[in-house]
Amino acid sequence: MLIARVVGSAVSTIKEETLRGLKLLVVQEATPANELRGEPFVAADTVGAGEGELVLVVVGSAARQTDKTHDYPVDAAIIAILDSLEVDGQVPFRKS
């Protein structure tokens, strides 16, 4: 799993039929200290995440293991919205 921040959305009127009704969000990997790194990528949203939220993302075949993405052509899925992170006794992120 990756920690990521939702940085935008992707809208497509023409797409694979199985993707209809599935919200696609642009996410960027984040460090536990809540700093963005790497390139943004698109992930299927399975939990109703919104822009600016810190989320957990699964990639590869794990992205096709949710009720909403089972057997769908996705390789990244948002599976949780984080309320807080605790690392080494410190709390670098807490949702306000």
N, C-alpha and C. Protein backbone atom coordinates (compact mmCIF):
# COMPACT_ATOMS: atom_id res chain seq x y z
N MET A 1 0.84 -1.19 0.00
CA MET A 1 0.00 0.00 0.00
C MET A 1 0.88 1.24 0.00
N LEU A 2 0.35 2.28 -0.62
CA LEU A 2 1.04 3.56 -0.67
C LEU A 2 0.20 4.62 0.04
N ILE A 3 0.87 5.55 0.69
CA ILE A 3 0.20 6.75 1.20
C ILE A 3 0.23 7.75 0.06
N ALA A 4 -0.90 8.39 -0.23
CA ALA A 4 -0.96 9.35 -1.33
C ALA A 4 -1.93 10.46 -0.98
N ARG A 5 -1.79 11.59 -1.68
CA ARG A 5 -2.71 12.71 -1.54
C ARG A 5 -3.47 12.85 -2.85
N VAL A 6 -4.79 13.07 -2.75
CA VAL A 6 -5.61 13.32 -3.93
C VAL A 6 -5.31 14.74 -4.39
N VAL A 7 -4.81 14.86 -5.64
CA VAL A 7 -4.43 16.17 -6.16
C VAL A 7 -5.29 16.62 -7.33
N GLY A 8 -6.24 15.79 -7.75
CA GLY A 8 -7.11 16.18 -8.85
C GLY A 8 -8.03 15.04 -9.26
N SER A 9 -8.70 15.22 -10.39
CA SER A 9 -9.61 14.19 -10.88
C SER A 9 -9.39 14.00 -12.37
N ALA A 10 -9.84 12.87 -12.88
CA ALA A 10 -9.74 12.56 -14.30
C ALA A 10 -11.15 12.25 -14.80
N VAL A 11 -11.58 12.94 -15.84
CA VAL A 11 -12.91 12.76 -16.39
C VAL A 11 -12.78 12.22 -17.80
N SER A 12 -13.54 11.18 -18.11
CA SER A 12 -13.50 10.57 -19.43
C SER A 12 -14.90 10.16 -19.85
N THR A 13 -15.39 10.71 -20.96
CA THR A 13 -16.72 10.33 -21.43
C THR A 13 -16.68 9.05 -22.26
N ILE A 14 -15.53 8.75 -22.86
CA ILE A 14 -15.37 7.53 -23.64
C ILE A 14 -14.34 6.66 -22.93
N LYS A 15 -14.78 5.49 -22.47
CA LYS A 15 -13.87 4.61 -21.73
C LYS A 15 -14.38 3.18 -21.77
N GLU A 16 -13.58 2.27 -21.30
CA GLU A 16 -13.96 0.87 -21.16
C GLU A 16 -15.29 0.80 -20.41
N GLU A 17 -16.21 0.01 -20.91
CA GLU A 17 -17.57 -0.08 -20.35
C GLU A 17 -17.56 -0.40 -18.85
N THR A 18 -16.67 -1.27 -18.39
CA THR A 18 -16.66 -1.65 -16.98
C THR A 18 -16.24 -0.49 -16.07
N LEU A 19 -15.65 0.55 -16.64
CA LEU A 19 -15.23 1.70 -15.82
C LEU A 19 -16.34 2.73 -15.64
N ARG A 20 -17.45 2.56 -16.33
CA ARG A 20 -18.56 3.52 -16.20
C ARG A 20 -19.03 3.55 -14.75
N GLY A 21 -19.21 4.75 -14.23
CA GLY A 21 -19.67 4.92 -12.85
C GLY A 21 -18.57 4.87 -11.81
N LEU A 22 -17.34 4.62 -12.23
CA LEU A 22 -16.22 4.56 -11.31
C LEU A 22 -15.47 5.89 -11.34
N LYS A 23 -15.38 6.54 -10.19
CA LYS A 23 -14.68 7.83 -10.12
C LYS A 23 -13.18 7.61 -10.21
N LEU A 24 -12.54 8.42 -11.06
CA LEU A 24 -11.10 8.34 -11.24
C LEU A 24 -10.46 9.60 -10.67
N LEU A 25 -9.50 9.43 -9.76
CA LEU A 25 -8.84 10.56 -9.12
C LEU A 25 -7.35 10.54 -9.41
N VAL A 26 -6.76 11.73 -9.47
CA VAL A 26 -5.32 11.86 -9.64
C VAL A 26 -4.71 11.93 -8.25
N VAL A 27 -3.77 11.04 -7.97
CA VAL A 27 -3.11 11.00 -6.66
C VAL A 27 -1.61 11.11 -6.85
N GLN A 28 -0.94 11.54 -5.78
CA GLN A 28 0.51 11.61 -5.79
C GLN A 28 1.01 11.01 -4.50
N GLU A 29 2.00 10.13 -4.60
CA GLU A 29 2.53 9.47 -3.40
C GLU A 29 3.01 10.52 -2.40
N ALA A 30 2.81 10.23 -1.11
CA ALA A 30 3.24 11.12 -0.03
C ALA A 30 4.08 10.33 0.96
N THR A 31 5.01 11.01 1.59
CA THR A 31 5.82 10.38 2.63
C THR A 31 5.01 10.37 3.93
N PRO A 32 5.42 9.59 4.93
CA PRO A 32 4.73 9.64 6.22
C PRO A 32 4.76 11.05 6.84
N ALA A 33 5.73 11.88 6.43
CA ALA A 33 5.80 13.26 6.91
C ALA A 33 4.89 14.18 6.10
N ASN A 34 4.08 13.56 5.22
CA ASN A 34 3.08 14.30 4.45
C ASN A 34 3.69 15.20 3.37
N GLU A 35 4.83 14.78 2.80
CA GLU A 35 5.46 15.52 1.71
C GLU A 35 5.24 14.75 0.42
N LEU A 36 4.84 15.43 -0.65
CA LEU A 36 4.59 14.78 -1.92
C LEU A 36 5.89 14.40 -2.61
N ARG A 37 5.85 13.25 -3.33
CA ARG A 37 7.02 12.82 -4.09
C ARG A 37 6.54 12.01 -5.29
N GLY A 38 7.40 11.90 -6.27
CA GLY A 38 7.06 11.12 -7.46
C GLY A 38 6.06 11.84 -8.36
N GLU A 39 5.66 11.13 -9.39
CA GLU A 39 4.74 11.67 -10.39
C GLU A 39 3.30 11.33 -10.03
N PRO A 40 2.37 12.24 -10.30
CA PRO A 40 0.95 11.93 -10.08
C PRO A 40 0.50 10.78 -11.00
N PHE A 41 -0.51 10.02 -10.55
CA PHE A 41 -1.08 8.95 -11.36
C PHE A 41 -2.56 8.83 -11.05
N VAL A 42 -3.28 8.13 -11.89
CA VAL A 42 -4.73 7.98 -11.75
C VAL A 42 -5.04 6.70 -10.98
N ALA A 43 -5.99 6.80 -10.04
CA ALA A 43 -6.44 5.64 -9.26
C ALA A 43 -7.96 5.62 -9.22
N ALA A 44 -8.53 4.44 -9.26
CA ALA A 44 -9.96 4.27 -9.13
C ALA A 44 -10.33 4.49 -7.66
N ASP A 45 -11.36 5.31 -7.42
CA ASP A 45 -11.78 5.62 -6.06
C ASP A 45 -12.86 4.64 -5.62
N THR A 46 -12.59 3.88 -4.57
CA THR A 46 -13.58 2.91 -4.07
C THR A 46 -14.23 3.35 -2.77
N VAL A 47 -13.81 4.53 -2.23
CA VAL A 47 -14.27 4.93 -0.89
C VAL A 47 -14.86 6.33 -0.82
N GLY A 48 -14.95 7.05 -1.93
CA GLY A 48 -15.52 8.39 -1.90
C GLY A 48 -14.56 9.47 -1.45
N ALA A 49 -13.30 9.34 -1.81
CA ALA A 49 -12.28 10.33 -1.43
C ALA A 49 -12.49 11.63 -2.20
N GLY A 50 -11.92 12.70 -1.66
CA GLY A 50 -12.02 14.00 -2.30
C GLY A 50 -10.67 14.68 -2.39
N GLU A 51 -10.63 15.75 -3.16
CA GLU A 51 -9.38 16.48 -3.38
C GLU A 51 -8.78 16.94 -2.06
N GLY A 52 -7.47 16.76 -1.94
CA GLY A 52 -6.73 17.18 -0.75
C GLY A 52 -6.64 16.13 0.33
N GLU A 53 -7.42 15.06 0.24
CA GLU A 53 -7.40 14.04 1.29
C GLU A 53 -6.18 13.14 1.16
N LEU A 54 -5.71 12.66 2.30
CA LEU A 54 -4.64 11.68 2.36
C LEU A 54 -5.28 10.30 2.34
N VAL A 55 -4.83 9.43 1.44
CA VAL A 55 -5.48 8.15 1.22
C VAL A 55 -4.46 7.02 1.17
N LEU A 56 -4.98 5.78 1.23
CA LEU A 56 -4.16 4.59 0.99
C LEU A 56 -4.51 4.07 -0.39
N VAL A 57 -3.49 3.75 -1.16
CA VAL A 57 -3.67 3.28 -2.53
C VAL A 57 -2.98 1.92 -2.67
N VAL A 58 -3.66 1.00 -3.34
CA VAL A 58 -3.02 -0.27 -3.71
C VAL A 58 -2.80 -0.26 -5.21
N VAL A 59 -1.71 -0.89 -5.64
CA VAL A 59 -1.38 -0.91 -7.06
C VAL A 59 -1.18 -2.35 -7.52
N GLY A 60 -1.20 -2.53 -8.83
CA GLY A 60 -1.03 -3.85 -9.39
C GLY A 60 -2.27 -4.70 -9.21
N SER A 61 -2.09 -6.01 -9.12
CA SER A 61 -3.24 -6.92 -9.03
C SER A 61 -4.07 -6.68 -7.78
N ALA A 62 -3.50 -6.13 -6.72
CA ALA A 62 -4.26 -5.83 -5.50
C ALA A 62 -5.36 -4.81 -5.78
N ALA A 63 -5.19 -3.97 -6.79
CA ALA A 63 -6.19 -2.96 -7.12
C ALA A 63 -7.47 -3.59 -7.65
N ARG A 64 -7.41 -4.82 -8.09
CA ARG A 64 -8.60 -5.50 -8.62
C ARG A 64 -9.24 -6.42 -7.60
N GLN A 65 -8.92 -6.24 -6.32
CA GLN A 65 -9.45 -7.12 -5.27
C GLN A 65 -10.55 -6.50 -4.43
N THR A 66 -11.06 -5.32 -4.80
CA THR A 66 -12.14 -4.70 -4.04
C THR A 66 -13.48 -5.05 -4.68
N ASP A 67 -14.57 -4.85 -3.94
CA ASP A 67 -15.90 -5.12 -4.49
C ASP A 67 -16.18 -4.27 -5.73
N LYS A 68 -15.68 -3.03 -5.75
CA LYS A 68 -15.97 -2.11 -6.85
C LYS A 68 -15.04 -2.28 -8.05
N THR A 69 -13.90 -2.93 -7.88
CA THR A 69 -12.93 -3.05 -8.98
C THR A 69 -12.63 -4.49 -9.37
N HIS A 70 -13.32 -5.46 -8.77
CA HIS A 70 -13.04 -6.87 -9.05
C HIS A 70 -13.17 -7.14 -10.55
N ASP A 71 -12.09 -7.64 -11.14
CA ASP A 71 -12.03 -7.98 -12.56
C ASP A 71 -12.14 -6.78 -13.49
N TYR A 72 -11.93 -5.56 -12.98
CA TYR A 72 -11.94 -4.36 -13.81
C TYR A 72 -10.52 -4.06 -14.26
N PRO A 73 -10.35 -3.34 -15.37
CA PRO A 73 -9.00 -3.05 -15.87
C PRO A 73 -8.36 -1.86 -15.16
N VAL A 74 -8.08 -2.02 -13.87
CA VAL A 74 -7.43 -0.96 -13.10
C VAL A 74 -6.15 -1.50 -12.48
N ASP A 75 -5.16 -0.62 -12.31
CA ASP A 75 -3.93 -1.05 -11.65
C ASP A 75 -3.59 -0.17 -10.47
N ALA A 76 -4.53 0.71 -10.07
CA ALA A 76 -4.38 1.51 -8.84
C ALA A 76 -5.78 1.80 -8.31
N ALA A 77 -5.97 1.60 -7.01
CA ALA A 77 -7.27 1.85 -6.39
C ALA A 77 -7.09 2.48 -5.01
N ILE A 78 -7.91 3.47 -4.74
CA ILE A 78 -7.94 4.10 -3.42
C ILE A 78 -8.83 3.23 -2.54
N ILE A 79 -8.28 2.75 -1.42
CA ILE A 79 -9.03 1.82 -0.57
C ILE A 79 -9.33 2.36 0.82
N ALA A 80 -8.77 3.53 1.17
CA ALA A 80 -9.03 4.10 2.50
C ALA A 80 -8.72 5.59 2.48
N ILE A 81 -9.45 6.33 3.33
CA ILE A 81 -9.17 7.74 3.58
C ILE A 81 -8.57 7.80 4.98
N LEU A 82 -7.38 8.36 5.09
CA LEU A 82 -6.68 8.38 6.39
C LEU A 82 -7.22 9.48 7.30
N ASP A 83 -7.40 9.13 8.57
CA ASP A 83 -7.76 10.10 9.60
C ASP A 83 -6.52 10.64 10.29
N SER A 84 -5.51 9.76 10.44
CA SER A 84 -4.26 10.19 11.06
C SER A 84 -3.17 9.18 10.74
N LEU A 85 -1.93 9.62 10.95
CA LEU A 85 -0.76 8.76 10.83
C LEU A 85 0.08 8.91 12.08
N GLU A 86 0.57 7.81 12.61
CA GLU A 86 1.53 7.86 13.72
C GLU A 86 2.76 7.09 13.29
N VAL A 87 3.93 7.74 13.35
CA VAL A 87 5.19 7.13 12.96
C VAL A 87 6.22 7.42 14.03
N ASP A 88 6.80 6.37 14.59
CA ASP A 88 7.81 6.51 15.64
C ASP A 88 7.34 7.40 16.79
N GLY A 89 6.10 7.23 17.19
CA GLY A 89 5.55 7.98 18.31
C GLY A 89 5.14 9.42 17.97
N GLN A 90 5.39 9.85 16.75
CA GLN A 90 5.01 11.19 16.30
C GLN A 90 3.77 11.10 15.41
N VAL A 91 2.99 12.17 15.37
CA VAL A 91 1.79 12.21 14.53
C VAL A 91 2.01 13.29 13.47
N PRO A 92 2.57 12.92 12.31
CA PRO A 92 2.83 13.90 11.27
C PRO A 92 1.59 14.35 10.52
N PHE A 93 0.49 13.58 10.65
CA PHE A 93 -0.76 13.94 9.97
C PHE A 93 -1.95 13.60 10.83
N ARG A 94 -2.86 14.54 10.98
CA ARG A 94 -4.16 14.30 11.61
C ARG A 94 -5.17 15.10 10.83
N LYS A 95 -6.23 14.42 10.37
CA LYS A 95 -7.27 15.09 9.60
C LYS A 95 -8.01 16.06 10.50
N SER A 96 -8.19 17.26 10.00
CA SER A 96 -8.88 18.26 10.85
C SER A 96 -10.34 18.36 10.51
